[in-house]
Amino acid sequence: PHAQVPEQLGALLMDSGPCMQKLFQLVGKDVKRPEFAATMSALQNEIKPFGFDEFRSSIETRTGKKLEELFKSIDPKPLAAASVGQVHRAELQDGTVVAVKVRRPGLEAKAEREIAGLLQAARQDPMALELLTRVSRTVTEEMDFRNEAKNIELGLRYVHPDRGISIAQRIDTFSPAEDMLVSRLAPGAKISKFDPSDLHQLQLRTQ
């Protein structure tokens, strides 16, 4: 209760559901004050992680196999923890380095309650209701990792190794599931880290 406002807001959002987190991700892009910008930035991929035991349980329940059967090794420390899922670096038995993404346990029920509450609260404000309806639709789609798997397949057309453009391609031995997705760990930096000032040089190299 005696923490600064940005810390209080951060604690609230870290324990909220995916719709609230997604909403503040959108709002956070326009935040100018540094003390709030750090809180908003953490919502992108630094949400409070859930435990590795829960991560293990989700995978073993989904696949019917022990973690050690599926992977040669897996890092118990997450690469990223976002509002919908958590990603860990792992190595397959053949040495392929992959990213294993698992949906947060209990997320569907939590999101359903949150969506109902937010839409009820916004029912008197058409603009707020429209925004929250769009956010809730986006969250619902993101919670089903099979949609992400389809997007990965569509993204293959943009892969250009000679231009340094690659994506995290799906591993065929793991069928896409609504709560689990395994893909190759893409090399290099995320597109969000790309410096627009480098675009001209990239165009020169690829012409």
Protein backbone atom coordinates (compact mmCIF):
# COMPACT_ATOMS: atom_id res chain seq x y z
CA PRO A 1 0.00 0.00 0.00
CA HIS A 2 2.95 2.37 0.47
CA ALA A 3 4.50 1.64 -2.95
CA GLN A 4 4.64 4.23 -5.70
CA VAL A 5 1.73 4.33 -8.16
CA PRO A 6 3.67 2.68 -11.05
CA GLU A 7 4.58 -0.22 -8.74
CA GLN A 8 0.99 -0.59 -7.56
CA LEU A 9 -0.24 -0.57 -11.16
CA GLY A 10 2.40 -3.14 -12.13
CA ALA A 11 1.39 -5.46 -9.28
CA LEU A 12 -2.28 -5.14 -10.23
CA LEU A 13 -1.66 -5.91 -13.91
CA MET A 14 0.68 -8.83 -13.22
CA ASP A 15 -2.12 -10.56 -11.31
CA SER A 16 -4.94 -9.58 -13.65
CA GLY A 17 -6.29 -11.60 -16.56
CA PRO A 18 -5.15 -11.55 -20.20
CA CYS A 19 -7.72 -8.97 -21.37
CA MET A 20 -6.63 -6.33 -18.89
CA GLN A 21 -3.00 -7.05 -19.71
CA LYS A 22 -3.67 -6.87 -23.45
CA LEU A 23 -5.58 -3.63 -23.03
CA PHE A 24 -2.72 -2.00 -21.14
CA GLN A 25 -0.24 -3.35 -23.70
CA LEU A 26 -2.09 -1.29 -26.31
CA VAL A 27 -2.35 1.78 -24.08
CA GLY A 28 1.26 1.41 -22.95
CA LYS A 29 2.65 2.05 -26.42
CA ASP A 30 1.74 5.73 -26.05
CA VAL A 31 2.94 6.22 -22.47
CA LYS A 32 5.57 8.96 -22.24
CA ARG A 33 6.44 9.09 -18.54
CA PRO A 34 9.48 6.84 -17.91
CA GLU A 35 8.22 5.46 -14.58
CA PHE A 36 5.07 4.16 -16.27
CA ALA A 37 6.80 3.19 -19.53
CA ALA A 38 8.84 0.53 -17.70
CA THR A 39 5.66 -0.98 -16.24
CA MET A 40 4.00 -1.06 -19.65
CA SER A 41 7.08 -2.56 -21.31
CA ALA A 42 7.10 -5.46 -18.85
CA LEU A 43 3.63 -6.43 -20.07
CA GLN A 44 5.02 -7.40 -23.48
CA ASN A 45 6.96 -10.52 -22.44
CA GLU A 46 7.85 -10.12 -18.77
CA ILE A 47 4.59 -11.08 -17.08
CA LYS A 48 5.08 -12.88 -13.77
CA PRO A 49 5.92 -16.48 -14.79
CA PHE A 50 4.18 -19.57 -13.47
CA GLY A 51 6.15 -22.42 -11.93
CA PHE A 52 8.14 -24.99 -13.91
CA ASP A 53 6.23 -27.83 -12.23
CA GLU A 54 3.01 -26.48 -13.76
CA PHE A 55 4.80 -26.11 -17.08
CA ARG A 56 5.93 -29.74 -16.91
CA SER A 57 2.47 -30.94 -15.89
CA SER A 58 0.81 -29.14 -18.81
CA ILE A 59 3.14 -30.77 -21.34
CA GLU A 60 2.90 -34.26 -19.85
CA THR A 61 -0.89 -34.05 -19.65
CA ARG A 62 -1.12 -32.91 -23.25
CA THR A 63 1.34 -35.45 -24.71
CA GLY A 64 0.93 -38.39 -22.34
CA LYS A 65 4.72 -38.62 -22.10
CA LYS A 66 7.34 -37.63 -19.54
CA LEU A 67 9.29 -34.46 -20.24
CA GLU A 68 12.52 -36.47 -20.39
CA GLU A 69 11.10 -38.60 -23.19
CA LEU A 70 10.27 -35.58 -25.30
CA PHE A 71 13.35 -33.44 -24.75
CA LYS A 72 17.04 -34.03 -24.30
CA SER A 73 17.10 -30.96 -22.07
CA ILE A 74 14.87 -28.04 -21.16
CA ASP A 75 15.71 -24.82 -19.35
CA PRO A 76 13.53 -24.39 -16.24
CA LYS A 77 13.95 -20.61 -16.55
CA PRO A 78 11.51 -19.17 -19.12
CA LEU A 79 12.72 -17.28 -22.16
CA ALA A 80 9.59 -15.17 -21.97
CA ALA A 81 6.35 -15.03 -20.03
CA ALA A 82 3.45 -13.20 -21.63
CA SER A 83 -0.22 -12.74 -20.86
CA VAL A 84 -1.33 -15.93 -22.63
CA GLY A 85 1.66 -18.27 -22.61
CA GLN A 86 5.13 -18.99 -21.35
CA VAL A 87 8.12 -20.07 -23.46
CA HIS A 88 11.09 -22.24 -22.46
CA ARG A 89 14.19 -23.12 -24.44
CA ALA A 90 14.62 -26.85 -25.00
CA GLU A 91 16.64 -29.34 -27.04
CA LEU A 92 15.11 -32.30 -28.81
CA GLN A 93 16.66 -35.75 -28.68
CA ASP A 94 18.28 -35.12 -32.09
CA GLY A 95 19.87 -31.87 -30.90
CA THR A 96 17.40 -29.45 -32.51
CA VAL A 97 16.99 -26.31 -30.38
CA VAL A 98 13.36 -25.38 -29.94
CA ALA A 99 11.03 -23.02 -28.12
CA VAL A 100 8.26 -24.71 -26.14
CA LYS A 101 5.21 -22.56 -25.53
CA VAL A 102 2.54 -23.55 -23.01
CA ARG A 103 -0.68 -21.73 -22.19
CA ARG A 104 -1.01 -20.42 -18.66
CA PRO A 105 -2.84 -22.96 -16.46
CA GLY A 106 -6.47 -22.04 -15.79
CA LEU A 107 -6.34 -19.17 -18.28
CA GLU A 108 -9.54 -20.01 -20.14
CA ALA A 109 -11.75 -19.81 -17.04
CA LYS A 110 -9.96 -16.66 -15.82
CA ALA A 111 -10.34 -14.97 -19.21
CA GLU A 112 -14.01 -15.92 -19.44
CA ARG A 113 -14.76 -14.31 -16.06
CA GLU A 114 -12.72 -11.23 -16.91
CA ILE A 115 -14.31 -10.75 -20.33
CA ALA A 116 -17.81 -11.02 -18.87
CA GLY A 117 -16.99 -8.49 -16.16
CA LEU A 118 -15.35 -5.97 -18.49
CA LEU A 119 -18.13 -6.13 -21.07
CA GLN A 120 -20.72 -5.71 -18.33
CA ALA A 121 -18.87 -2.66 -16.94
CA ALA A 122 -18.62 -1.07 -20.40
CA ARG A 123 -22.19 -1.71 -21.52
CA GLN A 124 -23.17 1.98 -21.16
CA ASP A 125 -20.23 3.26 -23.20
CA PRO A 126 -20.37 2.22 -26.90
CA MET A 127 -16.74 3.13 -27.64
CA ALA A 128 -15.40 1.28 -24.61
CA LEU A 129 -17.65 -1.68 -25.38
CA GLU A 130 -16.36 -1.87 -28.96
CA LEU A 131 -12.73 -1.68 -27.80
CA LEU A 132 -13.17 -4.35 -25.14
CA THR A 133 -15.06 -6.58 -27.56
CA ARG A 134 -12.12 -6.41 -29.99
CA VAL A 135 -9.59 -7.05 -27.23
CA SER A 136 -11.56 -10.02 -25.91
CA ARG A 137 -11.81 -11.47 -29.43
CA THR A 138 -8.05 -11.10 -29.89
CA VAL A 139 -7.31 -12.76 -26.55
CA THR A 140 -9.67 -15.64 -27.34
CA GLU A 141 -7.87 -16.25 -30.64
CA GLU A 142 -4.43 -16.02 -29.03
CA MET A 143 -5.36 -18.54 -26.36
CA ASP A 144 -5.71 -21.21 -29.06
CA PHE A 145 -2.14 -21.89 -30.21
CA ARG A 146 -3.46 -23.69 -33.30
CA ASN A 147 -4.11 -20.22 -34.73
CA GLU A 148 -0.48 -19.31 -34.13
CA ALA A 149 0.60 -22.53 -35.87
CA LYS A 150 -1.45 -21.54 -38.93
CA ASN A 151 0.18 -18.10 -38.94
CA ILE A 152 3.61 -19.72 -38.82
CA GLU A 153 2.75 -21.74 -41.92
CA LEU A 154 1.59 -18.57 -43.68
CA GLY A 155 4.77 -16.81 -42.63
CA LEU A 156 7.00 -19.32 -44.39
CA ARG A 157 6.52 -17.41 -47.63
CA TYR A 158 8.48 -14.51 -46.13
CA VAL A 159 11.55 -16.54 -45.15
CA HIS A 160 14.65 -15.30 -46.99
CA PRO A 161 17.86 -16.71 -45.43
CA ASP A 162 19.96 -14.74 -47.94
CA ARG A 163 18.40 -11.55 -46.58
CA GLY A 164 18.67 -12.54 -42.94
CA ILE A 165 14.91 -13.02 -42.59
CA SER A 166 13.71 -16.11 -40.75
CA ILE A 167 10.83 -17.23 -38.54
CA ALA A 168 10.33 -19.76 -35.77
CA GLN A 169 9.24 -22.73 -37.89
CA ARG A 170 6.98 -25.35 -36.35
CA ILE A 171 8.29 -28.82 -35.44
CA ASP A 172 6.24 -31.42 -37.34
CA THR A 173 6.70 -34.16 -34.72
CA PHE A 174 4.57 -32.08 -32.31
CA SER A 175 1.02 -31.62 -33.54
CA PRO A 176 -0.32 -28.11 -32.85
CA ALA A 177 -2.54 -28.07 -29.78
CA GLU A 178 -4.71 -25.35 -28.30
CA ASP A 179 -2.47 -25.09 -25.23
CA MET A 180 0.99 -26.13 -26.49
CA LEU A 181 3.23 -25.23 -29.43
CA VAL A 182 6.78 -26.35 -30.24
CA SER A 183 8.82 -24.45 -32.84
CA ARG A 184 12.43 -24.04 -33.85
CA LEU A 185 14.20 -21.32 -31.94
CA ALA A 186 14.60 -18.56 -34.51
CA PRO A 187 18.12 -17.08 -34.74
CA GLY A 188 18.94 -13.41 -34.35
CA ALA A 189 16.89 -10.61 -32.82
CA LYS A 190 13.13 -10.18 -32.62
CA ILE A 191 11.57 -7.91 -35.21
CA SER A 192 10.52 -5.58 -32.39
CA LYS A 193 14.23 -4.94 -31.79
CA PHE A 194 14.82 -3.97 -35.42
CA ASP A 195 16.17 -0.45 -35.85
CA PRO A 196 14.24 1.32 -38.63
CA SER A 197 17.38 3.32 -39.42
CA ASP A 198 18.92 0.07 -40.69
CA LEU A 199 16.15 -0.43 -43.25
CA HIS A 200 17.93 1.51 -46.01
CA GLN A 201 21.06 -0.63 -45.65
CA LEU A 202 18.94 -3.78 -45.71
CA GLN A 203 17.28 -2.67 -48.93
CA LEU A 204 20.64 -1.96 -50.56
CA ARG A 205 21.94 -5.44 -49.68
CA THR A 206 18.84 -7.19 -51.03
CA GLN A 207 18.39 -5.30 -54.30
